Amino acid sequence: MTMCTFLSKRGATYYFRRTIPAELRPLLGGKAEFMVSLRTKDREEAKRLIPGETLTSQALLDEASRRLPAKLPAGAPRTQSRPFPEYDAAAWEWGRERAAIESKELVEKQARHDGAAAAVAFLTERIGGSTKELQPDDRPIRYLVDDKEFDLKVLREHLGAAKAEVQRLAAELAAARTEPVAPALAAPEAAPTKPESGTMLDTDIIELWAAERKVVTKGKDTHAAVARWFYERTSRKPVRDITRKDVLAFKVALVDEGQTPANIKMKLSRLRTLLQWAADNDHAESNVASGITIKDTDAAKNKRKEFDLASLNAIFASPVYADGARPAAGKGEAAYWLPLLALYTGARMEELGQLRPADVQQISYPDGDGVDLSSWFIRIQEDADDSLRLKNAASERDVPVHPELQRLGFLAFVAAATKAKQERLFPKLNANIYGRLTAKWGEWFGPYLRGACGVTDKRMVFHSFRHTFKQYARHAGIIEGVQRQIMGHGSSDVADDYGSGYPLHQVVEGMGLYKVPGLVLPAASKQD
């Protein structure tokens, strides 16, 4: 069976289409085929997504086949399966989406497994002997191989579990759709469903809101999940009929289920966002969720905090910096440069991970007296054609390359990437199902921070570099507005809306003031 036979195109968009065998259709909602939008106009991207949908659909077909009624002896009672009315079309679709997400992650893991296996085989064949037999400069290579072998072992252990999880999801879906009873001679007819009237929160509002706000896929999915949770714990009704009592009942249900205050607060916030949009666009009289929240007594205790000096020195004395180690999951030079860049730019992880060589450039500008100067900048920008995404409009900015980054060899690193014609500065970073390049890298950095670096305070995470930059920028006396401009923060000062921000010479001067007293950094990085 060739998976790409399931690839179809409607207009400019690619779809997954797979025919459901006639005898299984009554057990799968009466549908004649699986048809799912892949949400892409790129054929290669669509082909990459097909295996995930294939796994999902196959799991559902396998479960339906197991429940297919067997032939009974003559005279045996004909008992039909009885559909559960509470499992409506929305619940079925929710389950399908869950299985789809799990299966796409499985495909990612399979690809990582295959890539790791190939890398181990290739490198092990060429690097013989023990670590001691290698030249000092070659030791990071041996470390890399050893780490890949470990990574491969872990992947093998988890791959089977991931496949089993997809099968389990399919079983849950099937069990939710039809109650198991005595075998029947004929498959049951699908229960007719009444067409919904009115604008629904989990379908219409989600689609309209996401389209207008240009919400990324992950944001759309998380808000859609909250809308489904809301309906499952209250009752399904048009958004205009949702009442404040419904929202309060939803909150009580979440509390009764033992959800943490932080999770409840997040769900209520997303629900308020959707209902506010509905009210603003005449789909509801008002935002009935306005003001409904929950007190999170642990919020202050769990709030992210900046790195202290001891933690910073521990990070930059860890194996990546002291021994030249490059763990496989650290994705090559990303392990070395991302923490340094974060400390000396205050930028977000994804903003740094998606940088291209061309984003580091020398820019000319006049100083306060009109004399032409030039400096190196990191241009953080949005580019839909190249999948560069930013948090908001204020995030687009030019950040001066700090002198310490230059001393450590960052410009030479960029020049080498340019010479190699790399599309990205960190080409080993692979996007997850939501297109985030640093998602998997972040999963590596957390344990590395706790283990190799010995930073055990859970409030200290990669985002703490951003808090740290803010703290030391204040200590250095950098103008508040310049700090915000460097970090890509929106301004709360109406006066700042006039003009185009601080001139580059003030931004460069501000960055020149930034320092971390007492920090011991590694020696300059050598570039090939």
Protein backbone atom coordinates (compact mmCIF):
# COMPACT_ATOMS: atom_id res chain seq x y z
CA MET A 1 0.00 0.00 0.00
CA THR A 2 1.50 3.33 -1.09
CA MET A 3 0.63 6.04 1.40
CA CYS A 4 0.83 8.81 -1.20
CA THR A 5 -2.20 7.27 -2.95
CA PHE A 6 -4.14 8.92 -0.10
CA LEU A 7 -2.96 12.36 -1.20
CA SER A 8 -5.61 14.51 -2.83
CA LYS A 9 -5.88 18.14 -3.84
CA ARG A 10 -8.86 20.49 -3.70
CA GLY A 11 -8.13 23.88 -5.14
CA ALA A 12 -4.64 24.73 -3.91
CA THR A 13 -4.87 22.77 -0.64
CA TYR A 14 -3.80 19.15 -0.13
CA TYR A 15 -6.03 16.62 1.64
CA PHE A 16 -5.72 13.12 3.03
CA ARG A 17 -8.43 10.91 1.48
CA ARG A 18 -8.92 7.24 2.17
CA THR A 19 -11.94 5.13 1.30
CA ILE A 20 -13.62 3.26 4.15
CA PRO A 21 -14.65 -0.32 3.25
CA ALA A 22 -18.43 -0.55 2.87
CA GLU A 23 -18.84 -3.08 5.68
CA LEU A 24 -17.07 -0.78 8.16
CA ARG A 25 -18.90 2.43 7.34
CA PRO A 26 -21.82 1.90 9.76
CA LEU A 27 -19.26 1.50 12.56
CA LEU A 28 -17.50 4.74 11.60
CA GLY A 29 -20.40 7.16 11.62
CA GLY A 30 -21.69 6.20 8.17
CA LYS A 31 -18.82 7.99 6.43
CA ALA A 32 -17.67 6.69 3.04
CA GLU A 33 -14.14 7.97 3.46
CA PHE A 34 -11.68 9.69 5.74
CA MET A 35 -11.06 13.20 4.42
CA VAL A 36 -8.81 15.56 6.35
CA SER A 37 -7.31 18.87 5.26
CA LEU A 38 -3.51 18.85 5.59
CA ARG A 39 -3.59 22.67 5.74
CA THR A 40 -0.77 23.11 3.27
CA LYS A 41 -0.33 24.03 -0.38
CA ASP A 42 3.13 22.48 -0.53
CA ARG A 43 3.17 18.96 -1.98
CA GLU A 44 6.36 17.88 -0.17
CA GLU A 45 4.99 19.08 3.16
CA ALA A 46 1.73 17.26 2.44
CA LYS A 47 3.63 14.04 1.69
CA ARG A 48 5.40 14.39 5.03
CA LEU A 49 2.04 14.62 6.84
CA ILE A 50 0.42 11.67 5.06
CA PRO A 51 2.03 8.93 7.25
CA GLY A 52 0.53 10.44 10.40
CA GLU A 53 -2.99 10.48 8.95
CA THR A 54 -2.44 6.98 7.57
CA LEU A 55 -1.57 5.66 11.04
CA THR A 56 -4.63 7.35 12.51
CA SER A 57 -7.04 6.01 9.91
CA GLN A 58 -5.52 2.51 10.00
CA ALA A 59 -5.92 2.34 13.76
CA LEU A 60 -9.60 3.27 13.41
CA LEU A 61 -10.13 0.75 10.61
CA ASP A 62 -8.44 -2.01 12.62
CA GLU A 63 -10.64 -1.35 15.63
CA ALA A 64 -13.78 -1.23 13.49
CA SER A 65 -12.79 -4.54 11.89
CA ARG A 66 -12.48 -6.16 15.31
CA ARG A 67 -16.02 -5.01 16.12
CA LEU A 68 -17.43 -6.12 12.79
CA PRO A 69 -20.48 -8.33 13.51
CA ALA A 70 -19.89 -12.03 12.85
CA LYS A 71 -22.39 -14.36 11.16
CA LEU A 72 -24.60 -16.18 13.67
CA PRO A 73 -26.14 -19.64 13.41
CA ALA A 74 -29.69 -19.86 12.08
CA GLY A 75 -32.23 -18.82 14.69
CA ALA A 76 -29.74 -16.85 16.78
CA PRO A 77 -31.06 -13.52 18.11
CA ARG A 78 -30.12 -10.49 16.07
CA THR A 79 -28.94 -7.86 18.52
CA GLN A 80 -27.83 -4.47 17.32
CA SER A 81 -25.21 -2.28 18.90
CA ARG A 82 -26.82 0.67 20.61
CA PRO A 83 -25.16 4.03 19.94
CA PHE A 84 -24.48 6.21 22.95
CA PRO A 85 -26.32 9.51 22.29
CA GLU A 86 -23.94 11.44 24.53
CA TYR A 87 -21.06 10.70 22.16
CA ASP A 88 -22.04 13.10 19.40
CA ALA A 89 -20.20 14.08 16.25
CA ALA A 90 -18.15 16.66 18.10
CA ALA A 91 -16.82 14.09 20.56
CA TRP A 92 -15.93 11.74 17.70
CA GLU A 93 -14.09 14.50 15.86
CA TRP A 94 -12.27 15.47 19.05
CA GLY A 95 -11.07 11.90 19.41
CA ARG A 96 -9.93 11.79 15.80
CA GLU A 97 -7.92 14.97 16.31
CA ARG A 98 -6.28 13.52 19.42
CA ALA A 99 -5.31 10.40 17.51
CA ALA A 100 -4.02 12.51 14.63
CA ILE A 101 -1.78 14.57 16.89
CA GLU A 102 -0.43 11.45 18.58
CA SER A 103 0.25 9.75 15.26
CA LYS A 104 2.06 12.79 13.85
CA GLU A 105 4.28 12.81 16.90
CA LEU A 106 4.89 9.10 16.29
CA VAL A 107 6.03 9.86 12.75
CA GLU A 108 8.40 12.48 14.17
CA LYS A 109 9.81 9.91 16.57
CA GLN A 110 10.18 7.36 13.77
CA ALA A 111 12.11 9.91 11.70
CA ARG A 112 14.37 10.73 14.65
CA HIS A 113 14.90 7.01 15.24
CA ASP A 114 15.88 6.40 11.61
CA GLY A 115 18.13 9.47 11.54
CA ALA A 116 19.88 8.49 14.75
CA ALA A 117 20.39 4.92 13.53
CA ALA A 118 21.91 6.13 10.28
CA ALA A 119 24.20 8.59 12.08
CA VAL A 120 25.44 5.95 14.50
CA ALA A 121 26.15 3.47 11.72
CA PHE A 122 27.93 6.06 9.57
CA LEU A 123 30.10 7.54 12.33
CA THR A 124 30.88 4.30 14.14
CA GLU A 125 32.18 2.75 10.90
CA ARG A 126 34.64 5.61 10.48
CA ILE A 127 35.72 6.22 14.06
CA GLY A 128 37.36 3.16 15.52
CA GLY A 129 39.10 2.54 18.81
CA SER A 130 38.49 4.14 22.15
CA THR A 131 38.15 7.77 23.05
CA LYS A 132 41.76 7.80 24.23
CA GLU A 133 43.05 6.92 20.75
CA LEU A 134 41.48 10.04 19.25
CA GLN A 135 43.22 13.37 19.01
CA PRO A 136 42.01 15.95 21.55
CA ASP A 137 40.20 17.90 18.84
CA ASP A 138 38.35 14.71 17.83
CA ARG A 139 36.97 13.92 21.25
CA PRO A 140 33.75 15.89 20.75
CA ILE A 141 33.09 13.58 17.77
CA ARG A 142 33.41 10.50 20.00
CA TYR A 143 31.12 12.20 22.54
CA LEU A 144 28.63 12.86 19.77
CA VAL A 145 28.56 9.21 18.71
CA ASP A 146 28.18 7.98 22.27
CA ASP A 147 25.35 10.42 22.85
CA LYS A 148 23.60 9.40 19.62
CA GLU A 149 23.79 5.75 20.71
CA PHE A 150 22.16 6.71 23.98
CA ASP A 151 19.56 8.77 22.12
CA LEU A 152 18.84 5.83 19.83
CA LYS A 153 18.38 3.51 22.79
CA VAL A 154 15.91 5.88 24.39
CA LEU A 155 14.03 6.28 21.11
CA ARG A 156 13.75 2.51 20.66
CA GLU A 157 12.33 2.19 24.17
CA HIS A 158 9.70 4.85 23.55
CA LEU A 159 8.78 4.02 19.97
CA GLY A 160 6.85 0.88 20.87
CA ALA A 161 5.02 2.73 23.62
CA ALA A 162 4.07 5.48 21.21
CA LYS A 163 2.63 3.00 18.71
CA ALA A 164 0.68 1.30 21.47
CA GLU A 165 -0.69 4.68 22.54
CA VAL A 166 -2.08 5.34 19.05
CA GLN A 167 -3.76 1.93 19.08
CA ARG A 168 -5.16 2.65 22.55
CA LEU A 169 -6.62 5.94 21.37
CA ALA A 170 -8.31 4.20 18.47
CA ALA A 171 -9.82 1.68 20.87
CA GLU A 172 -11.13 4.49 23.09
CA LEU A 173 -12.69 6.19 20.10
CA ALA A 174 -14.40 3.04 18.93
CA ALA A 175 -15.64 2.19 22.43
CA ALA A 176 -17.02 5.68 22.80
CA ARG A 177 -18.88 5.46 19.52
CA THR A 178 -20.72 2.16 20.04
CA GLU A 179 -21.62 0.06 23.08
CA PRO A 180 -20.25 -3.53 22.78
CA VAL A 181 -23.13 -6.05 22.77
CA ALA A 182 -23.93 -9.47 21.31
CA PRO A 183 -22.81 -10.03 17.70
CA ALA A 184 -25.29 -8.98 15.04
CA LEU A 185 -26.07 -10.28 11.55
CA ALA A 186 -26.21 -6.76 10.17
CA ALA A 187 -24.29 -3.67 11.14
CA PRO A 188 -26.38 -0.99 12.86
CA GLU A 189 -27.52 2.09 11.04
CA ALA A 190 -25.76 5.28 12.10
CA ALA A 191 -27.92 7.34 14.43
CA PRO A 192 -29.26 10.40 12.60
CA THR A 193 -27.99 13.69 13.96
CA LYS A 194 -29.87 16.94 13.83
CA PRO A 195 -28.09 19.77 12.07
CA GLU A 196 -26.94 22.39 14.55
CA SER A 197 -28.58 25.79 14.38
CA GLY A 198 -26.81 28.92 15.53
CA THR A 199 -23.17 29.87 15.85
CA MET A 200 -21.24 27.28 17.86
CA LEU A 201 -18.22 28.07 20.01
CA ASP A 202 -16.01 25.09 19.12
CA THR A 203 -16.51 25.30 15.35
CA ASP A 204 -17.80 28.60 13.96
CA ILE A 205 -16.27 30.98 16.51
CA ILE A 206 -12.94 29.15 16.53
CA GLU A 207 -12.65 29.32 12.73
CA LEU A 208 -13.75 32.96 12.47
CA TRP A 209 -11.57 34.12 15.38
CA ALA A 210 -8.48 32.26 14.17
CA ALA A 211 -8.89 33.54 10.60
CA GLU A 212 -9.26 37.18 11.67
CA ARG A 213 -6.44 37.12 14.22
CA LYS A 214 -4.17 34.97 12.02
CA VAL A 215 -3.66 32.60 14.94
CA VAL A 216 -0.97 29.94 14.53
CA THR A 217 -2.08 26.31 14.47
CA LYS A 218 -1.07 25.59 18.07
CA GLY A 219 -3.00 28.60 19.37
CA LYS A 220 -6.06 27.58 17.41
CA ASP A 221 -5.85 23.99 18.68
CA THR A 222 -5.47 24.98 22.34
CA HIS A 223 -8.45 27.35 22.21
CA ALA A 224 -10.55 24.79 20.32
CA ALA A 225 -9.73 22.22 23.02
CA VAL A 226 -11.04 24.58 25.73
CA ALA A 227 -14.24 25.15 23.75
CA ARG A 228 -14.76 21.39 23.55
CA TRP A 229 -14.03 21.00 27.27
CA PHE A 230 -16.62 23.68 27.99
CA TYR A 231 -19.35 21.92 25.99
CA GLU A 232 -18.49 18.52 27.48
CA ARG A 233 -18.90 19.87 31.02
CA THR A 234 -21.99 22.02 30.44
CA SER A 235 -24.28 21.54 27.45
CA ARG A 236 -23.95 22.07 23.74
CA LYS A 237 -25.68 25.28 22.66
CA PRO A 238 -25.12 28.24 20.31
CA VAL A 239 -22.74 30.87 21.66
CA ARG A 240 -25.60 33.41 21.95
CA ASP A 241 -27.34 31.10 24.45
CA ILE A 242 -24.31 30.55 26.70
CA THR A 243 -24.94 32.10 30.13
CA ARG A 244 -22.77 33.23 33.00
CA LYS A 245 -24.11 30.27 35.00
CA ASP A 246 -22.71 27.96 32.30
CA VAL A 247 -19.25 29.47 32.68
CA LEU A 248 -19.42 29.22 36.47
CA ALA A 249 -20.55 25.59 36.16
CA PHE A 250 -17.56 24.95 33.90
CA LYS A 251 -15.24 26.44 36.51
CA VAL A 252 -16.78 24.32 39.28
CA ALA A 253 -16.44 21.17 37.15
CA LEU A 254 -12.74 21.84 36.60
CA VAL A 255 -12.21 22.37 40.33
CA ASP A 256 -14.09 19.15 41.14
CA GLU A 257 -11.91 17.24 38.68
CA GLY A 258 -8.81 18.28 40.61
CA GLN A 259 -7.34 20.55 37.94
CA THR A 260 -4.63 22.87 39.24
CA PRO A 261 -5.52 26.55 39.72
CA ALA A 262 -2.96 27.46 37.04
CA ASN A 263 -4.63 25.17 34.48
CA ILE A 264 -8.12 26.38 35.39
CA LYS A 265 -7.00 29.99 35.12
CA MET A 266 -5.53 29.32 31.68
CA LYS A 267 -8.69 27.58 30.42
CA LEU A 268 -10.94 30.36 31.70
CA SER A 269 -8.68 32.94 30.06
CA ARG A 270 -8.94 31.20 26.68
CA LEU A 271 -12.70 30.86 27.06
CA ARG A 272 -12.96 34.59 27.83
CA THR A 273 -10.93 35.37 24.70
CA LEU A 274 -13.34 33.44 22.48
CA LEU A 275 -16.48 34.82 24.13
CA GLN A 276 -15.11 38.37 23.96
CA TRP A 277 -14.50 37.99 20.23
CA ALA A 278 -18.02 36.59 19.83
CA ALA A 279 -19.48 39.60 21.68
CA ASP A 280 -17.34 42.10 19.75
CA ASN A 281 -18.60 40.63 16.47
CA ASP A 282 -22.32 40.42 17.33
CA HIS A 283 -22.43 36.65 17.79
CA ALA A 284 -23.35 37.16 21.47
CA GLU A 285 -24.90 39.95 23.52
CA SER A 286 -21.96 40.21 25.91
CA ASN A 287 -18.94 38.34 27.24
CA VAL A 288 -20.58 36.29 29.97
CA ALA A 289 -17.16 35.02 31.11
CA SER A 290 -15.88 38.51 31.90
CA GLY A 291 -14.36 38.68 35.38
CA ILE A 292 -14.63 34.95 36.03
CA THR A 293 -11.26 33.57 37.09
CA ILE A 294 -9.66 31.68 39.96
CA LYS A 295 -7.02 32.70 42.47
CA ASP A 296 -3.75 30.87 41.94
CA THR A 297 -2.06 30.94 45.33
CA ASP A 298 1.01 29.19 43.90
CA ALA A 299 1.51 31.67 41.05
CA ALA A 300 4.09 33.79 42.85
CA LYS A 301 5.91 30.75 44.19
CA ASN A 302 6.15 29.14 40.73
CA LYS A 303 6.83 32.33 38.76
CA ARG A 304 9.85 32.16 36.49
CA LYS A 305 12.86 34.03 37.82
CA GLU A 306 16.15 35.30 36.49
CA PHE A 307 19.36 33.28 36.77
CA ASP A 308 21.58 34.27 39.67
CA LEU A 309 25.33 34.62 39.07
CA ALA A 310 26.14 31.16 40.47
CA SER A 311 23.68 29.54 38.06
CA LEU A 312 25.05 31.48 35.08
CA ASN A 313 28.61 30.43 35.90
CA ALA A 314 27.45 26.82 36.29
CA ILE A 315 25.80 26.90 32.85
CA PHE A 316 28.85 28.34 31.10
CA ALA A 317 31.21 25.92 32.86
CA SER A 318 29.14 22.88 31.83
CA PRO A 319 30.43 20.25 29.32
CA VAL A 320 29.10 22.12 26.25
CA TYR A 321 31.38 25.08 27.07
CA ALA A 322 34.20 23.50 29.09
CA ASP A 323 34.74 20.30 27.09
CA GLY A 324 33.35 21.12 23.66
CA ALA A 325 30.60 18.52 24.12
CA ARG A 326 27.80 18.56 21.57
CA PRO A 327 25.01 16.20 22.76
CA ALA A 328 22.87 14.91 19.89
CA ALA A 329 19.66 16.34 21.33
CA GLY A 330 21.43 19.68 21.75
CA LYS A 331 21.46 19.94 17.95
CA GLY A 332 25.06 20.84 17.24
CA GLU A 333 26.08 24.46 17.73
CA ALA A 334 22.61 25.38 18.97
CA ALA A 335 23.66 23.90 22.33
CA TYR A 336 26.52 26.41 22.51
CA TRP A 337 25.06 29.56 20.99
CA LEU A 338 21.39 29.70 22.02
CA PRO A 339 22.07 30.28 25.76
CA LEU A 340 24.77 32.87 24.98
CA LEU A 341 22.56 34.68 22.48
CA ALA A 342 19.67 34.69 24.94
CA LEU A 343 21.85 36.16 27.69
CA TYR A 344 23.23 38.92 25.46
CA THR A 345 20.10 39.81 23.46
CA GLY A 346 17.17 39.06 25.79
CA ALA A 347 15.47 37.40 22.81
CA ARG A 348 12.97 34.56 23.00
CA MET A 349 14.09 30.98 22.30
CA GLU A 350 12.14 30.60 19.05
CA GLU A 351 13.27 34.02 17.79
CA LEU A 352 16.87 32.82 18.09
CA GLY A 353 16.31 29.29 16.82
CA GLN A 354 14.80 30.47 13.53
CA LEU A 355 17.61 32.92 12.66
CA ARG A 356 19.12 32.79 9.17
CA PRO A 357 22.70 33.82 8.29
CA ALA A 358 21.28 36.80 6.40
CA ASP A 359 19.59 38.03 9.58
CA VAL A 360 22.99 38.98 10.99
CA GLN A 361 24.12 42.03 9.06
CA GLN A 362 26.17 45.20 9.26
CA ILE A 363 23.98 48.31 9.25
CA SER A 364 25.02 51.93 8.78
CA TYR A 365 23.38 54.68 10.83
CA PRO A 366 24.10 58.28 11.88
CA ASP A 367 25.14 59.14 15.41
CA GLY A 368 23.70 62.05 17.38
CA ASP A 369 25.81 64.52 15.40
CA GLY A 370 25.00 63.04 11.99
CA VAL A 371 28.31 61.20 11.60
CA ASP A 372 27.90 57.87 9.79
CA LEU A 373 28.69 54.76 11.85
CA SER A 374 28.12 51.05 11.30
CA SER A 375 27.59 48.11 13.63
CA TRP A 376 26.56 44.47 13.46
CA PHE A 377 22.93 43.69 14.24
CA ILE A 378 20.72 40.64 14.58
CA ARG A 379 17.56 41.37 12.65
CA ILE A 380 14.61 39.65 14.32
CA GLN A 381 11.75 39.74 11.87
CA GLU A 382 8.64 37.98 10.62
CA ASP A 383 8.71 36.35 7.20
CA ALA A 384 5.74 34.11 6.37
CA ASP A 385 7.41 32.86 3.18
CA ASP A 386 10.31 31.51 5.25
CA SER A 387 8.22 30.39 8.25
CA LEU A 388 9.61 33.12 10.52
CA ARG A 389 7.02 33.94 13.18
CA LEU A 390 7.05 36.49 15.99
CA LYS A 391 4.88 36.96 19.07
CA ASN A 392 3.60 40.42 18.11
CA ALA A 393 4.32 43.52 16.01
CA ALA A 394 6.70 44.96 18.64
CA SER A 395 8.84 41.83 18.36
CA GLU A 396 10.28 42.90 14.99
CA ARG A 397 13.54 44.72 15.74
CA ASP A 398 17.28 45.14 15.16
CA VAL A 399 19.40 43.99 18.11
CA PRO A 400 23.07 45.05 18.28
CA VAL A 401 25.55 42.16 18.47
CA HIS A 402 27.09 42.52 21.92
CA PRO A 403 30.92 42.80 22.08
CA GLU A 404 31.11 39.58 24.14
CA LEU A 405 29.33 37.65 21.38
CA GLN A 406 31.80 39.07 18.89
CA ARG A 407 34.73 38.08 21.13
CA LEU A 408 33.39 34.53 21.39
CA GLY A 409 33.33 34.17 17.61
CA PHE A 410 29.67 34.63 16.75
CA LEU A 411 30.37 36.65 13.60
CA ALA A 412 32.84 33.99 12.42
CA PHE A 413 30.17 31.36 13.09
CA VAL A 414 27.71 33.32 10.96
CA ALA A 415 30.30 33.74 8.19
CA ALA A 416 30.89 29.98 8.15
CA ALA A 417 27.14 29.34 7.90
CA THR A 418 26.91 31.83 5.04
CA LYS A 419 29.82 30.17 3.22
CA ALA A 420 28.16 26.77 3.64
CA LYS A 421 24.94 28.25 2.18
CA GLN A 422 22.91 27.18 5.21
CA GLU A 423 19.28 28.27 5.27
CA ARG A 424 19.39 28.60 9.06
CA LEU A 425 22.12 29.30 11.57
CA PHE A 426 21.08 26.14 13.40
CA PRO A 427 20.10 23.67 10.65
CA LYS A 428 19.84 20.68 13.00
CA LEU A 429 16.75 22.15 14.68
CA ASN A 430 13.65 20.41 13.32
CA ALA A 431 10.16 21.87 13.54
CA ASN A 432 7.50 20.06 15.56
CA ILE A 433 3.94 19.54 14.30
CA TYR A 434 3.17 23.19 15.06
CA GLY A 435 6.20 24.49 13.17
CA ARG A 436 8.23 25.42 16.28
CA LEU A 437 11.92 24.85 15.60
CA THR A 438 13.05 24.98 19.23
CA ALA A 439 10.33 22.85 20.86
CA LYS A 440 12.38 19.63 20.93
CA TRP A 441 15.57 21.53 21.74
CA GLY A 442 13.85 23.02 24.77
CA GLU A 443 13.01 19.50 25.95
CA TRP A 444 16.75 18.76 25.91
CA PHE A 445 17.85 21.99 27.59
CA GLY A 446 15.65 21.56 30.67
CA PRO A 447 17.20 18.24 31.80
CA TYR A 448 20.67 19.48 30.78
CA LEU A 449 20.17 22.56 32.98
CA ARG A 450 19.10 20.41 35.95
CA GLY A 451 21.67 17.65 35.44
CA ALA A 452 24.91 18.74 33.78
CA CYS A 453 24.66 22.33 35.04
CA GLY A 454 23.25 21.52 38.48
CA VAL A 455 20.66 24.34 38.39
CA THR A 456 17.82 22.71 40.32
CA ASP A 457 15.50 25.68 40.96
CA LYS A 458 12.50 24.83 38.76
CA ARG A 459 11.67 28.51 38.39
CA MET A 460 14.84 28.85 36.34
CA VAL A 461 14.23 27.83 32.71
CA PHE A 462 15.50 28.99 29.32
CA HIS A 463 13.12 31.95 29.43
CA SER A 464 15.00 33.04 32.57
CA PHE A 465 17.72 34.39 30.26
CA ARG A 466 15.18 37.00 29.16
CA HIS A 467 14.48 37.97 32.77
CA THR A 468 18.22 38.02 33.41
CA PHE A 469 18.85 40.39 30.50
CA LYS A 470 16.17 42.73 31.84
CA GLN A 471 17.70 42.71 35.31
CA TYR A 472 21.27 43.48 34.20
CA ALA A 473 20.04 46.05 31.65
CA ARG A 474 18.44 47.94 34.54
CA HIS A 475 21.58 47.63 36.64
CA ALA A 476 23.61 49.06 33.75
CA GLY A 477 21.35 52.11 33.55
CA ILE A 478 20.09 51.46 30.02
CA ILE A 479 17.12 53.71 29.18
CA GLU A 480 13.86 51.82 29.84
CA GLY A 481 12.55 52.48 26.34
CA VAL A 482 15.80 51.22 24.80
CA GLN A 483 15.54 48.07 26.93
CA ARG A 484 12.02 47.43 25.61
CA GLN A 485 13.10 48.07 22.03
CA ILE A 486 16.01 45.60 22.29
CA MET A 487 13.78 42.94 23.87
CA GLY A 488 10.81 43.46 21.55
CA HIS A 489 8.45 44.51 24.33
CA GLY A 490 5.42 46.63 23.54
CA SER A 491 5.29 50.00 25.28
CA SER A 492 2.73 51.06 27.88
CA ASP A 493 3.62 54.72 27.27
CA VAL A 494 1.32 56.38 24.72
CA ALA A 495 4.10 58.84 23.84
CA ASP A 496 6.20 55.93 22.59
CA ASP A 497 3.64 55.31 19.83
CA TYR A 498 4.88 58.44 18.05
CA GLY A 499 7.91 58.08 15.80
CA SER A 500 9.69 54.83 14.96
CA GLY A 501 11.44 54.14 18.24
CA TYR A 502 14.87 55.06 19.50
CA PRO A 503 17.57 55.76 16.87
CA LEU A 504 20.07 52.97 16.31
CA HIS A 505 22.98 54.90 17.79
CA GLN A 506 21.17 55.03 21.15
CA VAL A 507 20.35 51.33 20.94
CA VAL A 508 24.01 50.49 20.20
CA GLU A 509 25.17 52.74 23.04
CA GLY A 510 22.69 51.06 25.37
CA MET A 511 23.88 47.58 24.42
CA GLY A 512 27.46 48.72 25.03
CA LEU A 513 26.55 49.43 28.66
CA TYR A 514 25.19 45.91 29.23
CA LYS A 515 27.41 43.61 31.29
CA VAL A 516 27.16 40.77 33.79
CA PRO A 517 29.72 41.46 36.55
CA GLY A 518 31.41 38.32 37.89
CA LEU A 519 30.42 36.11 34.94
CA VAL A 520 33.16 33.77 33.71
CA LEU A 521 32.67 32.97 30.03
CA PRO A 522 34.45 30.31 27.94
CA ALA A 523 37.35 31.02 25.62
CA ALA A 524 36.55 32.19 22.11
CA SER A 525 34.96 29.53 19.91
CA LYS A 526 37.13 28.26 17.03
CA GLN A 527 35.45 28.14 13.63
CA ASP A 528 36.46 25.80 10.85
